[in-house]
Amino acid sequence: MSKNSAAAQKADEATATSTALNTGVQRKEAPELTKAQQQAVKGLPSWSAKFRYLAGQGYATADIARITGKRYQHVNNVLRQPAPKSGQ
């Protein structure tokens, strides 16, 4: 086996492996925010506040993670905690 054919075989195996791993996995795209929602989110001081605002707008935890680019577990942890009381 020559060098080129060995490299080609290795590339084919890598492609087959990545194809097998990706089969059946479909990722959803992040939902679009309205202009008003974008402005509101932009003006919030923390990620926690942004997560809570979007949850209040009816977005699911997974959608909030997609919109903000944060991990699902981060969003979930924030939303499961009670919001801090204002003035403290």
C-alpha atoms as a PDB file:
ATOM      1  CA  MET A   1       0.000   0.000   0.000  1.00  0.00           C
ATOM      2  CA  SER A   2       1.447   3.352  -0.988  1.00  0.00           C
ATOM      3  CA  LYS A   3       1.496   6.446   1.202  1.00  0.00           C
ATOM      4  CA  ASN A   4      -1.220   8.150  -0.829  1.00  0.00           C
ATOM      5  CA  SER A   5      -3.609   5.217  -0.730  1.00  0.00           C
ATOM      6  CA  ALA A   6      -3.031   4.789   3.029  1.00  0.00           C
ATOM      7  CA  ALA A   7      -3.805   8.469   3.579  1.00  0.00           C
ATOM      8  CA  ALA A   8      -6.886   8.199   1.392  1.00  0.00           C
ATOM      9  CA  GLN A   9      -8.083   5.144   3.300  1.00  0.00           C
ATOM     10  CA  LYS A  10      -7.550   6.933   6.616  1.00  0.00           C
ATOM     11  CA  ALA A  11      -9.521   9.948   5.337  1.00  0.00           C
ATOM     12  CA  ASP A  12     -12.348   7.657   4.180  1.00  0.00           C
ATOM     13  CA  GLU A  13     -12.473   5.988   7.601  1.00  0.00           C
ATOM     14  CA  ALA A  14     -12.588   9.368   9.355  1.00  0.00           C
ATOM     15  CA  THR A  15     -15.438  10.493   7.088  1.00  0.00           C
ATOM     16  CA  ALA A  16     -17.364   7.285   7.702  1.00  0.00           C
ATOM     17  CA  THR A  17     -16.891   7.631  11.456  1.00  0.00           C
ATOM     18  CA  SER A  18     -18.036  11.247  11.557  1.00  0.00           C
ATOM     19  CA  THR A  19     -21.006  10.427   9.331  1.00  0.00           C
ATOM     20  CA  ALA A  20     -21.990   7.555  11.611  1.00  0.00           C
ATOM     21  CA  LEU A  21     -21.790   9.805  14.665  1.00  0.00           C
ATOM     22  CA  ASN A  22     -23.928  12.494  13.059  1.00  0.00           C
ATOM     23  CA  THR A  23     -26.597  10.212  11.658  1.00  0.00           C
ATOM     24  CA  GLY A  24     -30.010  10.953  13.055  1.00  0.00           C
ATOM     25  CA  VAL A  25     -28.932  14.018  15.009  1.00  0.00           C
ATOM     26  CA  GLN A  26     -30.820  17.099  13.999  1.00  0.00           C
ATOM     27  CA  ARG A  27     -30.089  20.352  15.779  1.00  0.00           C
ATOM     28  CA  LYS A  28     -32.736  23.015  16.033  1.00  0.00           C
ATOM     29  CA  GLU A  29     -31.870  26.568  15.192  1.00  0.00           C
ATOM     30  CA  ALA A  30     -32.325  29.304  17.746  1.00  0.00           C
ATOM     31  CA  PRO A  31     -35.700  31.026  17.471  1.00  0.00           C
ATOM     32  CA  GLU A  32     -35.708  34.633  16.345  1.00  0.00           C
ATOM     33  CA  LEU A  33     -36.308  37.408  18.854  1.00  0.00           C
ATOM     34  CA  THR A  34     -38.372  40.440  17.964  1.00  0.00           C
ATOM     35  CA  LYS A  35     -36.619  43.812  17.842  1.00  0.00           C
ATOM     36  CA  ALA A  36     -38.240  44.783  21.143  1.00  0.00           C
ATOM     37  CA  GLN A  37     -37.037  41.564  22.776  1.00  0.00           C
ATOM     38  CA  GLN A  38     -33.527  42.067  21.405  1.00  0.00           C
ATOM     39  CA  GLN A  39     -33.411  45.577  22.864  1.00  0.00           C
ATOM     40  CA  ALA A  40     -34.768  44.404  26.211  1.00  0.00           C
ATOM     41  CA  VAL A  41     -32.235  41.565  26.450  1.00  0.00           C
ATOM     42  CA  LYS A  42     -29.395  43.845  25.410  1.00  0.00           C
ATOM     43  CA  GLY A  43     -30.197  46.265  28.230  1.00  0.00           C
ATOM     44  CA  LEU A  44     -30.187  43.663  31.004  1.00  0.00           C
ATOM     45  CA  PRO A  45     -27.133  43.637  33.306  1.00  0.00           C
ATOM     46  CA  SER A  46     -26.492  39.887  33.710  1.00  0.00           C
ATOM     47  CA  TRP A  47     -26.940  36.563  32.012  1.00  0.00           C
ATOM     48  CA  SER A  48     -29.294  35.518  34.787  1.00  0.00           C
ATOM     49  CA  ALA A  49     -31.535  38.488  34.119  1.00  0.00           C
ATOM     50  CA  LYS A  50     -31.518  37.700  30.399  1.00  0.00           C
ATOM     51  CA  PHE A  51     -32.430  34.069  31.038  1.00  0.00           C
ATOM     52  CA  ARG A  52     -35.276  35.051  33.356  1.00  0.00           C
ATOM     53  CA  TYR A  53     -36.595  37.659  30.924  1.00  0.00           C
ATOM     54  CA  LEU A  54     -36.665  35.157  28.049  1.00  0.00           C
ATOM     55  CA  ALA A  55     -38.310  32.520  30.263  1.00  0.00           C
ATOM     56  CA  GLY A  56     -40.939  35.104  31.175  1.00  0.00           C
ATOM     57  CA  GLN A  57     -41.522  35.652  27.456  1.00  0.00           C
ATOM     58  CA  GLY A  58     -42.395  31.971  27.151  1.00  0.00           C
ATOM     59  CA  TYR A  59     -39.169  30.564  25.699  1.00  0.00           C
ATOM     60  CA  ALA A  60     -38.164  27.024  26.673  1.00  0.00           C
ATOM     61  CA  THR A  61     -34.881  26.424  28.484  1.00  0.00           C
ATOM     62  CA  ALA A  62     -33.291  24.809  25.419  1.00  0.00           C
ATOM     63  CA  ASP A  63     -34.340  27.754  23.232  1.00  0.00           C
ATOM     64  CA  ILE A  64     -32.876  30.232  25.722  1.00  0.00           C
ATOM     65  CA  ALA A  65     -29.598  28.305  25.616  1.00  0.00           C
ATOM     66  CA  ARG A  66     -29.605  28.421  21.807  1.00  0.00           C
ATOM     67  CA  ILE A  67     -30.458  32.133  21.692  1.00  0.00           C
ATOM     68  CA  THR A  68     -27.777  33.167  24.183  1.00  0.00           C
ATOM     69  CA  GLY A  69     -25.134  30.632  23.189  1.00  0.00           C
ATOM     70  CA  LYS A  70     -24.862  29.415  26.777  1.00  0.00           C
ATOM     71  CA  ARG A  71     -25.039  25.814  27.909  1.00  0.00           C
ATOM     72  CA  TYR A  72     -28.425  24.295  28.684  1.00  0.00           C
ATOM     73  CA  GLN A  73     -27.305  23.367  32.210  1.00  0.00           C
ATOM     74  CA  HIS A  74     -26.279  26.962  32.989  1.00  0.00           C
ATOM     75  CA  VAL A  75     -29.669  28.276  31.889  1.00  0.00           C
ATOM     76  CA  ASN A  76     -31.489  25.510  33.751  1.00  0.00           C
ATOM     77  CA  ASN A  77     -29.572  26.142  36.991  1.00  0.00           C
ATOM     78  CA  VAL A  78     -30.382  29.852  36.885  1.00  0.00           C
ATOM     79  CA  LEU A  79     -34.069  29.306  36.150  1.00  0.00           C
ATOM     80  CA  ARG A  80     -34.444  26.761  38.949  1.00  0.00           C
ATOM     81  CA  GLN A  81     -33.146  29.234  41.546  1.00  0.00           C
ATOM     82  CA  PRO A  82     -35.500  31.886  42.893  1.00  0.00           C
ATOM     83  CA  ALA A  83     -34.817  35.352  41.570  1.00  0.00           C
ATOM     84  CA  PRO A  84     -32.963  37.566  44.025  1.00  0.00           C
ATOM     85  CA  LYS A  85     -35.099  40.087  45.859  1.00  0.00           C
ATOM     86  CA  SER A  86     -34.593  43.625  44.643  1.00  0.00           C
ATOM     87  CA  GLY A  87     -32.807  46.030  46.964  1.00  0.00           C
ATOM     88  CA  GLN A  88     -30.502  43.429  48.484  1.00  0.00           C
END
